[in-house]
Amino acid sequence: QVQLEESGGGLVQTGDSLRLSCAASRRAFSEHCVAWFRQAPGHEREFVAAVSRSGGSTSHADSVKARFTISRDKDKNAVYLQMNDLKPEDTAVYYCASKRCILTMPPILQAESYNYWGQGTQVTVSS
């Protein structure tokens, strides 16, 4: 079992930046593919960004490309989501998800593929 804990959310203004962190409870996290999803009130959960097991390959949703960047630090057993130029439509609860995957697996975009999830961190962007 791997437990995930998100942090770094908060209340910011349009144009501000935040960095979300996803910390894992076990070193096995280094063998996992990881992604960020978000869910706004009244909306379905949506894919935000994903990173491969090696960290060498990433994928970002069109709505956040050029503004958000996913990365991982294996020494710190963590994955990050750097969010720049935040907009009110980015307001949501952000979730970190992971699953064990082979080294050659590309970033996984489908939420149903992940079997470990964090509790989420709230991001609110005021206009």
C-alpha atoms as a PDB file:
ATOM      1  CA  GLN A   1       0.000   0.000   0.000  1.00  0.00           C
ATOM      2  CA  VAL A   2       1.130   3.504  -0.817  1.00  0.00           C
ATOM      3  CA  GLN A   3      -0.444   6.481   0.883  1.00  0.00           C
ATOM      4  CA  LEU A   4      -0.424   9.799  -0.904  1.00  0.00           C
ATOM      5  CA  GLU A   5      -0.732  13.213   0.684  1.00  0.00           C
ATOM      6  CA  GLU A   6      -1.223  16.421  -1.255  1.00  0.00           C
ATOM      7  CA  SER A   7      -0.245  19.848   0.028  1.00  0.00           C
ATOM      8  CA  GLY A   8       0.309  23.363  -1.229  1.00  0.00           C
ATOM      9  CA  GLY A   9      -3.215  24.424  -2.083  1.00  0.00           C
ATOM     10  CA  GLY A  10      -4.711  27.710  -1.012  1.00  0.00           C
ATOM     11  CA  LEU A  11      -6.534  30.896  -1.932  1.00  0.00           C
ATOM     12  CA  VAL A  12      -4.772  33.039  -4.526  1.00  0.00           C
ATOM     13  CA  GLN A  13      -5.586  35.753  -7.021  1.00  0.00           C
ATOM     14  CA  THR A  14      -5.728  35.550 -10.797  1.00  0.00           C
ATOM     15  CA  GLY A  15      -2.219  35.429 -12.230  1.00  0.00           C
ATOM     16  CA  ASP A  16      -0.606  34.046  -9.069  1.00  0.00           C
ATOM     17  CA  SER A  17       1.364  30.818  -8.790  1.00  0.00           C
ATOM     18  CA  LEU A  18       1.175  27.775  -6.528  1.00  0.00           C
ATOM     19  CA  ARG A  19       3.183  24.579  -6.269  1.00  0.00           C
ATOM     20  CA  LEU A  20       1.324  21.468  -5.206  1.00  0.00           C
ATOM     21  CA  SER A  21       3.196  18.577  -3.674  1.00  0.00           C
ATOM     22  CA  CYS A  22       2.301  14.907  -3.549  1.00  0.00           C
ATOM     23  CA  ALA A  23       4.261  13.021  -0.912  1.00  0.00           C
ATOM     24  CA  ALA A  24       4.247   9.235  -0.750  1.00  0.00           C
ATOM     25  CA  SER A  25       4.551   7.020   2.279  1.00  0.00           C
ATOM     26  CA  ARG A  26       6.765   4.356   0.711  1.00  0.00           C
ATOM     27  CA  ARG A  27       9.837   4.220  -1.491  1.00  0.00           C
ATOM     28  CA  ALA A  28       7.838   2.003  -3.829  1.00  0.00           C
ATOM     29  CA  PHE A  29       6.441   5.277  -5.142  1.00  0.00           C
ATOM     30  CA  SER A  30       9.556   5.462  -7.311  1.00  0.00           C
ATOM     31  CA  GLU A  31       8.130   2.567  -9.330  1.00  0.00           C
ATOM     32  CA  HIS A  32       4.822   4.332  -9.900  1.00  0.00           C
ATOM     33  CA  CYS A  33       3.351   6.386 -12.688  1.00  0.00           C
ATOM     34  CA  VAL A  34       1.740   9.492 -11.183  1.00  0.00           C
ATOM     35  CA  ALA A  35      -0.843  12.037 -12.222  1.00  0.00           C
ATOM     36  CA  TRP A  36      -2.779  15.044 -11.023  1.00  0.00           C
ATOM     37  CA  PHE A  37      -6.531  15.328 -11.471  1.00  0.00           C
ATOM     38  CA  ARG A  38      -8.935  18.026 -10.365  1.00  0.00           C
ATOM     39  CA  GLN A  39     -12.616  18.308  -9.641  1.00  0.00           C
ATOM     40  CA  ALA A  40     -14.581  21.532  -9.421  1.00  0.00           C
ATOM     41  CA  PRO A  41     -18.012  21.739  -7.776  1.00  0.00           C
ATOM     42  CA  GLY A  42     -20.675  20.438 -10.131  1.00  0.00           C
ATOM     43  CA  HIS A  43     -18.089  19.106 -12.574  1.00  0.00           C
ATOM     44  CA  GLU A  44     -16.610  15.723 -13.271  1.00  0.00           C
ATOM     45  CA  ARG A  45     -13.066  14.923 -12.307  1.00  0.00           C
ATOM     46  CA  GLU A  46     -10.667  15.863 -15.079  1.00  0.00           C
ATOM     47  CA  PHE A  47      -7.098  15.015 -15.991  1.00  0.00           C
ATOM     48  CA  VAL A  48      -4.520  17.735 -15.385  1.00  0.00           C
ATOM     49  CA  ALA A  49      -1.042  16.248 -15.835  1.00  0.00           C
ATOM     50  CA  ALA A  50       0.842  12.951 -15.669  1.00  0.00           C
ATOM     51  CA  VAL A  51       4.448  11.852 -15.376  1.00  0.00           C
ATOM     52  CA  SER A  52       6.122   8.570 -16.245  1.00  0.00           C
ATOM     53  CA  ARG A  53       7.890   6.359 -13.762  1.00  0.00           C
ATOM     54  CA  SER A  54      11.301   7.706 -14.796  1.00  0.00           C
ATOM     55  CA  GLY A  55      10.106  11.298 -14.805  1.00  0.00           C
ATOM     56  CA  GLY A  56      11.405  11.684 -18.319  1.00  0.00           C
ATOM     57  CA  SER A  57       8.017  11.834 -20.003  1.00  0.00           C
ATOM     58  CA  THR A  58       5.095  14.065 -19.096  1.00  0.00           C
ATOM     59  CA  SER A  59       1.666  14.957 -20.434  1.00  0.00           C
ATOM     60  CA  HIS A  60      -0.507  17.982 -19.688  1.00  0.00           C
ATOM     61  CA  ALA A  61      -4.121  18.769 -20.447  1.00  0.00           C
ATOM     62  CA  ASP A  62      -4.604  21.369 -23.153  1.00  0.00           C
ATOM     63  CA  SER A  63      -6.296  23.684 -20.656  1.00  0.00           C
ATOM     64  CA  VAL A  64      -3.136  23.929 -18.536  1.00  0.00           C
ATOM     65  CA  LYS A  65      -0.324  23.562 -21.069  1.00  0.00           C
ATOM     66  CA  ALA A  66       2.271  26.341 -20.867  1.00  0.00           C
ATOM     67  CA  ARG A  67       0.965  27.231 -17.386  1.00  0.00           C
ATOM     68  CA  PHE A  68       1.293  24.020 -15.325  1.00  0.00           C
ATOM     69  CA  THR A  69       4.283  21.695 -15.099  1.00  0.00           C
ATOM     70  CA  ILE A  70       4.411  18.268 -13.468  1.00  0.00           C
ATOM     71  CA  SER A  71       7.717  16.955 -12.173  1.00  0.00           C
ATOM     72  CA  ARG A  72       9.030  14.359  -9.749  1.00  0.00           C
ATOM     73  CA  ASP A  73      11.900  14.158  -7.309  1.00  0.00           C
ATOM     74  CA  LYS A  74      12.781  10.561  -6.534  1.00  0.00           C
ATOM     75  CA  ASP A  75      15.176  11.518  -3.758  1.00  0.00           C
ATOM     76  CA  LYS A  76      12.299  13.235  -1.963  1.00  0.00           C
ATOM     77  CA  ASN A  77       9.765  10.596  -2.990  1.00  0.00           C
ATOM     78  CA  ALA A  78       7.451  13.296  -4.265  1.00  0.00           C
ATOM     79  CA  VAL A  79       5.709  14.651  -7.327  1.00  0.00           C
ATOM     80  CA  TYR A  80       4.965  18.317  -7.879  1.00  0.00           C
ATOM     81  CA  LEU A  81       2.580  20.429  -9.910  1.00  0.00           C
ATOM     82  CA  GLN A  82       3.871  23.926 -10.566  1.00  0.00           C
ATOM     83  CA  MET A  83       0.922  26.126 -11.459  1.00  0.00           C
ATOM     84  CA  ASN A  84       1.561  29.560 -12.957  1.00  0.00           C
ATOM     85  CA  ASP A  85      -0.778  32.261 -14.238  1.00  0.00           C
ATOM     86  CA  LEU A  86      -3.695  30.786 -12.324  1.00  0.00           C
ATOM     87  CA  LYS A  87      -7.218  31.550 -13.497  1.00  0.00           C
ATOM     88  CA  PRO A  88     -10.591  31.349 -11.718  1.00  0.00           C
ATOM     89  CA  GLU A  89     -11.449  28.300 -13.837  1.00  0.00           C
ATOM     90  CA  ASP A  90      -8.544  26.474 -12.193  1.00  0.00           C
ATOM     91  CA  THR A  91     -10.485  26.491  -8.910  1.00  0.00           C
ATOM     92  CA  ALA A  92     -10.953  22.877  -7.835  1.00  0.00           C
ATOM     93  CA  VAL A  93      -9.849  20.170  -5.469  1.00  0.00           C
ATOM     94  CA  TYR A  94      -6.616  18.733  -6.836  1.00  0.00           C
ATOM     95  CA  TYR A  95      -5.864  15.044  -6.379  1.00  0.00           C
ATOM     96  CA  CYS A  96      -2.668  13.096  -6.749  1.00  0.00           C
ATOM     97  CA  ALA A  97      -2.973   9.529  -8.054  1.00  0.00           C
ATOM     98  CA  SER A  98      -0.478   6.750  -8.680  1.00  0.00           C
ATOM     99  CA  LYS A  99      -0.094   3.177  -9.780  1.00  0.00           C
ATOM    100  CA  ARG A 100       2.819   0.812 -10.125  1.00  0.00           C
ATOM    101  CA  CYS A 101       3.919   0.684 -13.737  1.00  0.00           C
ATOM    102  CA  ILE A 102       6.715  -0.645 -15.925  1.00  0.00           C
ATOM    103  CA  LEU A 103       9.644   1.591 -16.735  1.00  0.00           C
ATOM    104  CA  THR A 104       8.641   2.049 -20.367  1.00  0.00           C
ATOM    105  CA  MET A 105       5.026   2.980 -19.652  1.00  0.00           C
ATOM    106  CA  PRO A 106       4.171   6.441 -21.005  1.00  0.00           C
ATOM    107  CA  PRO A 107       2.236   8.898 -18.810  1.00  0.00           C
ATOM    108  CA  ILE A 108      -1.216   7.534 -17.962  1.00  0.00           C
ATOM    109  CA  LEU A 109      -4.109   9.919 -18.506  1.00  0.00           C
ATOM    110  CA  GLN A 110      -7.081   7.806 -17.445  1.00  0.00           C
ATOM    111  CA  ALA A 111      -8.263   8.175 -13.856  1.00  0.00           C
ATOM    112  CA  GLU A 112      -9.631   4.631 -13.778  1.00  0.00           C
ATOM    113  CA  SER A 113      -6.131   3.277 -14.315  1.00  0.00           C
ATOM    114  CA  TYR A 114      -4.898   4.562 -10.958  1.00  0.00           C
ATOM    115  CA  ASN A 115      -5.378   2.651  -7.735  1.00  0.00           C
ATOM    116  CA  TYR A 116      -3.837   5.009  -5.169  1.00  0.00           C
ATOM    117  CA  TRP A 117      -5.342   8.411  -4.467  1.00  0.00           C
ATOM    118  CA  GLY A 118      -4.716  11.214  -2.031  1.00  0.00           C
ATOM    119  CA  GLN A 119      -7.381  13.143  -0.138  1.00  0.00           C
ATOM    120  CA  GLY A 120      -6.997  16.245  -2.261  1.00  0.00           C
ATOM    121  CA  THR A 121      -5.988  19.851  -1.716  1.00  0.00           C
ATOM    122  CA  GLN A 122      -8.222  22.843  -2.424  1.00  0.00           C
ATOM    123  CA  VAL A 123      -7.089  25.489  -4.876  1.00  0.00           C
ATOM    124  CA  THR A 124      -9.216  28.622  -5.087  1.00  0.00           C
ATOM    125  CA  VAL A 125      -8.418  31.399  -7.545  1.00  0.00           C
ATOM    126  CA  SER A 126     -10.241  34.686  -7.069  1.00  0.00           C
ATOM    127  CA  SER A 127     -10.826  37.117  -9.914  1.00  0.00           C
END
